[in-house]
Amino acid sequence: MSEKAEKLKAALAELSLEEREDIRIYLDSLGDEELTQEEWEQAWSEEINRRIADDEAGLTKMIPGEEVMRRLREKYA
């Protein structure tokens, strides 16, 4: 397995169960089928609405972009 894949595995192991499920769904969506523009827009609309609802319900914690980048640099640099 490549170094990049090993790093990805380590990062995935740190995710919550819900986050890993989101990643699984995303990976499943990368199958051989290509979405039409309408299907793609519908899928993204649903995802955006889900994320907004999670935020409004207090299920997410926003992290400033600068903090995210700092953490990534510390972890992978």
PDB file of N, CA and C in Angstrom:
ATOM      1  N   MET A   1       0.854  -1.176   0.000  1.00  0.00           N
ATOM      2  CA  MET A   1       0.000   0.000   0.000  1.00  0.00           C
ATOM      3  C   MET A   1       0.895   1.233   0.000  1.00  0.00           C
ATOM      4  N   SER A   2       0.468   2.246  -0.729  1.00  0.00           N
ATOM      5  CA  SER A   2       1.278   3.458  -0.836  1.00  0.00           C
ATOM      6  C   SER A   2       1.310   4.237   0.480  1.00  0.00           C
ATOM      7  N   GLU A   3       2.303   5.093   0.603  1.00  0.00           N
ATOM      8  CA  GLU A   3       2.420   5.944   1.791  1.00  0.00           C
ATOM      9  C   GLU A   3       1.192   6.842   1.923  1.00  0.00           C
ATOM     10  N   LYS A   4       0.733   7.352   0.784  1.00  0.00           N
ATOM     11  CA  LYS A   4      -0.455   8.216   0.792  1.00  0.00           C
ATOM     12  C   LYS A   4      -1.666   7.448   1.328  1.00  0.00           C
ATOM     13  N   ALA A   5      -1.825   6.201   0.896  1.00  0.00           N
ATOM     14  CA  ALA A   5      -2.950   5.387   1.362  1.00  0.00           C
ATOM     15  C   ALA A   5      -2.820   5.087   2.858  1.00  0.00           C
ATOM     16  N   GLU A   6      -1.618   4.821   3.317  1.00  0.00           N
ATOM     17  CA  GLU A   6      -1.404   4.560   4.742  1.00  0.00           C
ATOM     18  C   GLU A   6      -1.761   5.783   5.584  1.00  0.00           C
ATOM     19  N   LYS A   7      -1.383   6.968   5.129  1.00  0.00           N
ATOM     20  CA  LYS A   7      -1.731   8.200   5.843  1.00  0.00           C
ATOM     21  C   LYS A   7      -3.242   8.394   5.857  1.00  0.00           C
ATOM     22  N   LEU A   8      -3.873   8.083   4.737  1.00  0.00           N
ATOM     23  CA  LEU A   8      -5.327   8.216   4.657  1.00  0.00           C
ATOM     24  C   LEU A   8      -6.002   7.243   5.619  1.00  0.00           C
ATOM     25  N   LYS A   9      -5.518   6.028   5.691  1.00  0.00           N
ATOM     26  CA  LYS A   9      -6.076   5.058   6.625  1.00  0.00           C
ATOM     27  C   LYS A   9      -5.967   5.565   8.060  1.00  0.00           C
ATOM     28  N   ALA A  10      -4.831   6.125   8.412  1.00  0.00           N
ATOM     29  CA  ALA A  10      -4.644   6.642   9.769  1.00  0.00           C
ATOM     30  C   ALA A  10      -5.615   7.786  10.047  1.00  0.00           C
ATOM     31  N   ALA A  11      -5.782   8.666   9.072  1.00  0.00           N
ATOM     32  CA  ALA A  11      -6.704   9.792   9.247  1.00  0.00           C
ATOM     33  C   ALA A  11      -8.142   9.288   9.370  1.00  0.00           C
ATOM     34  N   LEU A  12      -8.509   8.305   8.573  1.00  0.00           N
ATOM     35  CA  LEU A  12      -9.862   7.756   8.632  1.00  0.00           C
ATOM     36  C   LEU A  12     -10.142   7.096   9.970  1.00  0.00           C
ATOM     37  N   ALA A  13      -9.140   6.483  10.553  1.00  0.00           N
ATOM     38  CA  ALA A  13      -9.306   5.817  11.844  1.00  0.00           C
ATOM     39  C   ALA A  13      -9.647   6.803  12.952  1.00  0.00           C
ATOM     40  N   GLU A  14      -9.296   8.055  12.773  1.00  0.00           N
ATOM     41  CA  GLU A  14      -9.569   9.074  13.789  1.00  0.00           C
ATOM     42  C   GLU A  14     -10.966   9.678  13.671  1.00  0.00           C
ATOM     43  N   LEU A  15     -11.679   9.357  12.585  1.00  0.00           N
ATOM     44  CA  LEU A  15     -13.010   9.915  12.378  1.00  0.00           C
ATOM     45  C   LEU A  15     -14.041   9.212  13.242  1.00  0.00           C
ATOM     46  N   SER A  16     -15.135   9.910  13.499  1.00  0.00           N
ATOM     47  CA  SER A  16     -16.242   9.292  14.224  1.00  0.00           C
ATOM     48  C   SER A  16     -16.932   8.281  13.313  1.00  0.00           C
ATOM     49  N   LEU A  17     -17.759   7.447  13.908  1.00  0.00           N
ATOM     50  CA  LEU A  17     -18.509   6.454  13.137  1.00  0.00           C
ATOM     51  C   LEU A  17     -19.346   7.135  12.053  1.00  0.00           C
ATOM     52  N   GLU A  18     -19.995   8.231  12.410  1.00  0.00           N
ATOM     53  CA  GLU A  18     -20.829   8.959  11.440  1.00  0.00           C
ATOM     54  C   GLU A  18     -19.973   9.507  10.287  1.00  0.00           C
ATOM     55  N   GLU A  19     -18.827  10.051  10.614  1.00  0.00           N
ATOM     56  CA  GLU A  19     -17.948  10.578   9.574  1.00  0.00           C
ATOM     57  C   GLU A  19     -17.447   9.468   8.652  1.00  0.00           C
ATOM     58  N   ARG A  20     -17.108   8.315   9.243  1.00  0.00           N
ATOM     59  CA  ARG A  20     -16.663   7.188   8.412  1.00  0.00           C
ATOM     60  C   ARG A  20     -17.789   6.707   7.502  1.00  0.00           C
ATOM     61  N   GLU A  21     -19.005   6.721   8.005  1.00  0.00           N
ATOM     62  CA  GLU A  21     -20.154   6.333   7.179  1.00  0.00           C
ATOM     63  C   GLU A  21     -20.328   7.310   6.023  1.00  0.00           C
ATOM     64  N   ASP A  22     -20.158   8.600   6.277  1.00  0.00           N
ATOM     65  CA  ASP A  22     -20.226   9.598   5.202  1.00  0.00           C
ATOM     66  C   ASP A  22     -19.161   9.317   4.141  1.00  0.00           C
ATOM     67  N   ILE A  23     -17.972   8.959   4.583  1.00  0.00           N
ATOM     68  CA  ILE A  23     -16.890   8.643   3.650  1.00  0.00           C
ATOM     69  C   ILE A  23     -17.231   7.382   2.855  1.00  0.00           C
ATOM     70  N   ARG A  24     -17.789   6.376   3.533  1.00  0.00           N
ATOM     71  CA  ARG A  24     -18.178   5.143   2.840  1.00  0.00           C
ATOM     72  C   ARG A  24     -19.190   5.434   1.746  1.00  0.00           C
ATOM     73  N   ILE A  25     -20.180   6.249   2.071  1.00  0.00           N
ATOM     74  CA  ILE A  25     -21.198   6.616   1.086  1.00  0.00           C
ATOM     75  C   ILE A  25     -20.557   7.358  -0.075  1.00  0.00           C
ATOM     76  N   TYR A  26     -19.647   8.262   0.242  1.00  0.00           N
ATOM     77  CA  TYR A  26     -18.944   8.997  -0.806  1.00  0.00           C
ATOM     78  C   TYR A  26     -18.169   8.041  -1.708  1.00  0.00           C
ATOM     79  N   LEU A  27     -17.418   7.122  -1.115  1.00  0.00           N
ATOM     80  CA  LEU A  27     -16.634   6.180  -1.913  1.00  0.00           C
ATOM     81  C   LEU A  27     -17.532   5.299  -2.776  1.00  0.00           C
ATOM     82  N   ASP A  28     -18.667   4.884  -2.210  1.00  0.00           N
ATOM     83  CA  ASP A  28     -19.620   4.104  -3.004  1.00  0.00           C
ATOM     84  C   ASP A  28     -20.114   4.898  -4.201  1.00  0.00           C
ATOM     85  N   SER A  29     -20.227   6.204  -4.032  1.00  0.00           N
ATOM     86  CA  SER A  29     -20.735   7.049  -5.108  1.00  0.00           C
ATOM     87  C   SER A  29     -19.736   7.201  -6.245  1.00  0.00           C
ATOM     88  N   LEU A  30     -18.499   6.772  -6.031  1.00  0.00           N
ATOM     89  CA  LEU A  30     -17.471   6.893  -7.052  1.00  0.00           C
ATOM     90  C   LEU A  30     -17.467   5.709  -8.017  1.00  0.00           C
ATOM     91  N   GLY A  31     -18.543   4.942  -8.014  1.00  0.00           N
ATOM     92  CA  GLY A  31     -18.634   3.784  -8.896  1.00  0.00           C
ATOM     93  C   GLY A  31     -18.528   4.165 -10.362  1.00  0.00           C
ATOM     94  N   ASP A  32     -18.800   3.204 -11.218  1.00  0.00           N
ATOM     95  CA  ASP A  32     -18.650   3.387 -12.657  1.00  0.00           C
ATOM     96  C   ASP A  32     -19.717   4.282 -13.270  1.00  0.00           C
ATOM     97  N   GLU A  33     -20.819   4.460 -12.578  1.00  0.00           N
ATOM     98  CA  GLU A  33     -21.913   5.250 -13.128  1.00  0.00           C
ATOM     99  C   GLU A  33     -21.590   6.739 -13.058  1.00  0.00           C
ATOM    100  N   GLU A  34     -21.915   7.445 -14.120  1.00  0.00           N
ATOM    101  CA  GLU A  34     -21.769   8.892 -14.105  1.00  0.00           C
ATOM    102  C   GLU A  34     -23.149   9.513 -13.933  1.00  0.00           C
ATOM    103  N   LEU A  35     -23.220  10.516 -13.086  1.00  0.00           N
ATOM    104  CA  LEU A  35     -24.481  11.201 -12.852  1.00  0.00           C
ATOM    105  C   LEU A  35     -24.726  12.218 -13.948  1.00  0.00           C
ATOM    106  N   THR A  36     -25.992  12.406 -14.248  1.00  0.00           N
ATOM    107  CA  THR A  36     -26.348  13.502 -15.139  1.00  0.00           C
ATOM    108  C   THR A  36     -26.179  14.801 -14.357  1.00  0.00           C
ATOM    109  N   GLN A  37     -26.161  15.901 -15.044  1.00  0.00           N
ATOM    110  CA  GLN A  37     -26.044  17.194 -14.373  1.00  0.00           C
ATOM    111  C   GLN A  37     -27.184  17.373 -13.371  1.00  0.00           C
ATOM    112  N   GLU A  38     -28.377  16.971 -13.754  1.00  0.00           N
ATOM    113  CA  GLU A  38     -29.543  17.101 -12.866  1.00  0.00           C
ATOM    114  C   GLU A  38     -29.378  16.214 -11.624  1.00  0.00           C
ATOM    115  N   GLU A  39     -28.907  14.987 -11.788  1.00  0.00           N
ATOM    116  CA  GLU A  39     -28.694  14.091 -10.654  1.00  0.00           C
ATOM    117  C   GLU A  39     -27.605  14.628  -9.730  1.00  0.00           C
ATOM    118  N   TRP A  40     -26.544  15.152 -10.328  1.00  0.00           N
ATOM    119  CA  TRP A  40     -25.453  15.715  -9.544  1.00  0.00           C
ATOM    120  C   TRP A  40     -25.945  16.894  -8.716  1.00  0.00           C
ATOM    121  N   GLU A  41     -26.694  17.796  -9.341  1.00  0.00           N
ATOM    122  CA  GLU A  41     -27.219  18.966  -8.622  1.00  0.00           C
ATOM    123  C   GLU A  41     -28.173  18.539  -7.517  1.00  0.00           C
ATOM    124  N   GLN A  42     -28.995  17.524  -7.766  1.00  0.00           N
ATOM    125  CA  GLN A  42     -29.923  17.026  -6.747  1.00  0.00           C
ATOM    126  C   GLN A  42     -29.156  16.429  -5.568  1.00  0.00           C
ATOM    127  N   ALA A  43     -28.130  15.640  -5.861  1.00  0.00           N
ATOM    128  CA  ALA A  43     -27.337  15.021  -4.794  1.00  0.00           C
ATOM    129  C   ALA A  43     -26.655  16.078  -3.940  1.00  0.00           C
ATOM    130  N   TRP A  44     -26.070  17.098  -4.577  1.00  0.00           N
ATOM    131  CA  TRP A  44     -25.401  18.145  -3.820  1.00  0.00           C
ATOM    132  C   TRP A  44     -26.399  18.986  -3.034  1.00  0.00           C
ATOM    133  N   SER A  45     -27.563  19.208  -3.608  1.00  0.00           N
ATOM    134  CA  SER A  45     -28.596  19.963  -2.897  1.00  0.00           C
ATOM    135  C   SER A  45     -28.989  19.229  -1.617  1.00  0.00           C
ATOM    136  N   GLU A  46     -29.164  17.916  -1.723  1.00  0.00           N
ATOM    137  CA  GLU A  46     -29.513  17.118  -0.544  1.00  0.00           C
ATOM    138  C   GLU A  46     -28.394  17.154   0.492  1.00  0.00           C
ATOM    139  N   GLU A  47     -27.152  17.044   0.042  1.00  0.00           N
ATOM    140  CA  GLU A  47     -26.014  17.075   0.964  1.00  0.00           C
ATOM    141  C   GLU A  47     -25.895  18.433   1.658  1.00  0.00           C
ATOM    142  N   ILE A  48     -26.044  19.488   0.906  1.00  0.00           N
ATOM    143  CA  ILE A  48     -25.970  20.835   1.490  1.00  0.00           C
ATOM    144  C   ILE A  48     -27.077  21.025   2.514  1.00  0.00           C
ATOM    145  N   ASN A  49     -28.295  20.608   2.168  1.00  0.00           N
ATOM    146  CA  ASN A  49     -29.405  20.738   3.105  1.00  0.00           C
ATOM    147  C   ASN A  49     -29.177  19.908   4.368  1.00  0.00           C
ATOM    148  N   ARG A  50     -28.585  18.720   4.229  1.00  0.00           N
ATOM    149  CA  ARG A  50     -28.282  17.888   5.390  1.00  0.00           C
ATOM    150  C   ARG A  50     -27.263  18.582   6.289  1.00  0.00           C
ATOM    151  N   ARG A  51     -26.242  19.152   5.678  1.00  0.00           N
ATOM    152  CA  ARG A  51     -25.216  19.837   6.467  1.00  0.00           C
ATOM    153  C   ARG A  51     -25.777  21.069   7.170  1.00  0.00           C
ATOM    154  N   ILE A  52     -26.620  21.817   6.501  1.00  0.00           N
ATOM    155  CA  ILE A  52     -27.253  22.989   7.119  1.00  0.00           C
ATOM    156  C   ILE A  52     -28.118  22.555   8.291  1.00  0.00           C
ATOM    157  N   ALA A  53     -28.905  21.502   8.089  1.00  0.00           N
ATOM    158  CA  ALA A  53     -29.777  21.006   9.162  1.00  0.00           C
ATOM    159  C   ALA A  53     -28.951  20.540  10.355  1.00  0.00           C
ATOM    160  N   ASP A  54     -27.843  19.818  10.095  1.00  0.00           N
ATOM    161  CA  ASP A  54     -26.969  19.379  11.187  1.00  0.00           C
ATOM    162  C   ASP A  54     -26.415  20.571  11.951  1.00  0.00           C
ATOM    163  N   ASP A  55     -26.010  21.607  11.225  1.00  0.00           N
ATOM    164  CA  ASP A  55     -25.462  22.801  11.871  1.00  0.00           C
ATOM    165  C   ASP A  55     -26.533  23.492  12.712  1.00  0.00           C
ATOM    166  N   GLU A  56     -27.710  23.664  12.140  1.00  0.00           N
ATOM    167  CA  GLU A  56     -28.788  24.352  12.866  1.00  0.00           C
ATOM    168  C   GLU A  56     -29.241  23.558  14.090  1.00  0.00           C
ATOM    169  N   ALA A  57     -29.100  22.232  14.033  1.00  0.00           N
ATOM    170  CA  ALA A  57     -29.484  21.391  15.167  1.00  0.00           C
ATOM    171  C   ALA A  57     -28.369  21.294  16.206  1.00  0.00           C
ATOM    172  N   GLY A  58     -27.256  21.970  15.943  1.00  0.00           N
ATOM    173  CA  GLY A  58     -26.143  21.953  16.886  1.00  0.00           C
ATOM    174  C   GLY A  58     -25.338  20.658  16.853  1.00  0.00           C
ATOM    175  N   LEU A  59     -25.420  19.913  15.763  1.00  0.00           N
ATOM    176  CA  LEU A  59     -24.722  18.639  15.657  1.00  0.00           C
ATOM    177  C   LEU A  59     -23.309  18.770  15.109  1.00  0.00           C
ATOM    178  N   THR A  60     -22.961  19.966  14.687  1.00  0.00           N
ATOM    179  CA  THR A  60     -21.626  20.173  14.136  1.00  0.00           C
ATOM    180  C   THR A  60     -20.898  21.244  14.935  1.00  0.00           C
ATOM    181  N   LYS A  61     -19.594  21.155  14.855  1.00  0.00           N
ATOM    182  CA  LYS A  61     -18.761  22.168  15.502  1.00  0.00           C
ATOM    183  C   LYS A  61     -17.918  22.802  14.407  1.00  0.00           C
ATOM    184  N   MET A  62     -18.101  24.070  14.196  1.00  0.00           N
ATOM    185  CA  MET A  62     -17.341  24.769  13.170  1.00  0.00           C
ATOM    186  C   MET A  62     -15.929  25.045  13.670  1.00  0.00           C
ATOM    187  N   ILE A  63     -14.967  24.841  12.786  1.00  0.00           N
ATOM    188  CA  ILE A  63     -13.570  25.109  13.094  1.00  0.00           C
ATOM    189  C   ILE A  63     -13.069  26.112  12.062  1.00  0.00           C
ATOM    190  N   PRO A  64     -12.477  27.216  12.508  1.00  0.00           N
ATOM    191  CA  PRO A  64     -11.963  28.197  11.546  1.00  0.00           C
ATOM    192  C   PRO A  64     -10.972  27.553  10.581  1.00  0.00           C
ATOM    193  N   GLY A  65     -10.998  27.991   9.342  1.00  0.00           N
ATOM    194  CA  GLY A  65     -10.128  27.450   8.314  1.00  0.00           C
ATOM    195  C   GLY A  65      -8.662  27.493   8.688  1.00  0.00           C
ATOM    196  N   GLU A  66      -8.248  28.562   9.347  1.00  0.00           N
ATOM    197  CA  GLU A  66      -6.851  28.690   9.753  1.00  0.00           C
ATOM    198  C   GLU A  66      -6.463  27.565  10.710  1.00  0.00           C
ATOM    199  N   GLU A  67      -7.373  27.222  11.614  1.00  0.00           N
ATOM    200  CA  GLU A  67      -7.122  26.152  12.574  1.00  0.00           C
ATOM    201  C   GLU A  67      -7.032  24.800  11.863  1.00  0.00           C
ATOM    202  N   VAL A  68      -7.918  24.572  10.918  1.00  0.00           N
ATOM    203  CA  VAL A  68      -7.885  23.324  10.150  1.00  0.00           C
ATOM    204  C   VAL A  68      -6.550  23.191   9.431  1.00  0.00           C
ATOM    205  N   MET A  69      -6.124  24.240   8.762  1.00  0.00           N
ATOM    206  CA  MET A  69      -4.870  24.201   8.023  1.00  0.00           C
ATOM    207  C   MET A  69      -3.681  23.996   8.963  1.00  0.00           C
ATOM    208  N   ARG A  70      -3.705  24.629  10.131  1.00  0.00           N
ATOM    209  CA  ARG A  70      -2.628  24.459  11.108  1.00  0.00           C
ATOM    210  C   ARG A  70      -2.540  22.998  11.536  1.00  0.00           C
ATOM    211  N   ARG A  71      -3.690  22.400  11.830  1.00  0.00           N
ATOM    212  CA  ARG A  71      -3.707  20.999  12.260  1.00  0.00           C
ATOM    213  C   ARG A  71      -3.188  20.078  11.161  1.00  0.00           C
ATOM    214  N   LEU A  72      -3.595  20.345   9.932  1.00  0.00           N
ATOM    215  CA  LEU A  72      -3.140  19.521   8.821  1.00  0.00           C
ATOM    216  C   LEU A  72      -1.638  19.628   8.626  1.00  0.00           C
ATOM    217  N   ARG A  73      -1.120  20.861   8.716  1.00  0.00           N
ATOM    218  CA  ARG A  73       0.327  21.056   8.580  1.00  0.00           C
ATOM    219  C   ARG A  73       1.084  20.309   9.668  1.00  0.00           C
ATOM    220  N   GLU A  74       0.581  20.393  10.906  1.00  0.00           N
ATOM    221  CA  GLU A  74       1.239  19.698  12.020  1.00  0.00           C
ATOM    222  C   GLU A  74       1.215  18.184  11.820  1.00  0.00           C
ATOM    223  N   LYS A  75       0.127  17.702  11.310  1.00  0.00           N
ATOM    224  CA  LYS A  75      -0.042  16.261  11.185  1.00  0.00           C
ATOM    225  C   LYS A  75       0.710  15.678   9.998  1.00  0.00           C
ATOM    226  N   TYR A  76       0.724  16.379   8.879  1.00  0.00           N
ATOM    227  CA  TYR A  76       1.236  15.794   7.646  1.00  0.00           C
ATOM    228  C   TYR A  76       2.514  16.438   7.119  1.00  0.00           C
ATOM    229  N   ALA A  77       2.988  17.469   7.789  1.00  0.00           N
ATOM    230  CA  ALA A  77       4.215  18.119   7.284  1.00  0.00           C
ATOM    231  C   ALA A  77       5.455  17.417   7.759  1.00  0.00           C
TER     232      ALA A  77
END
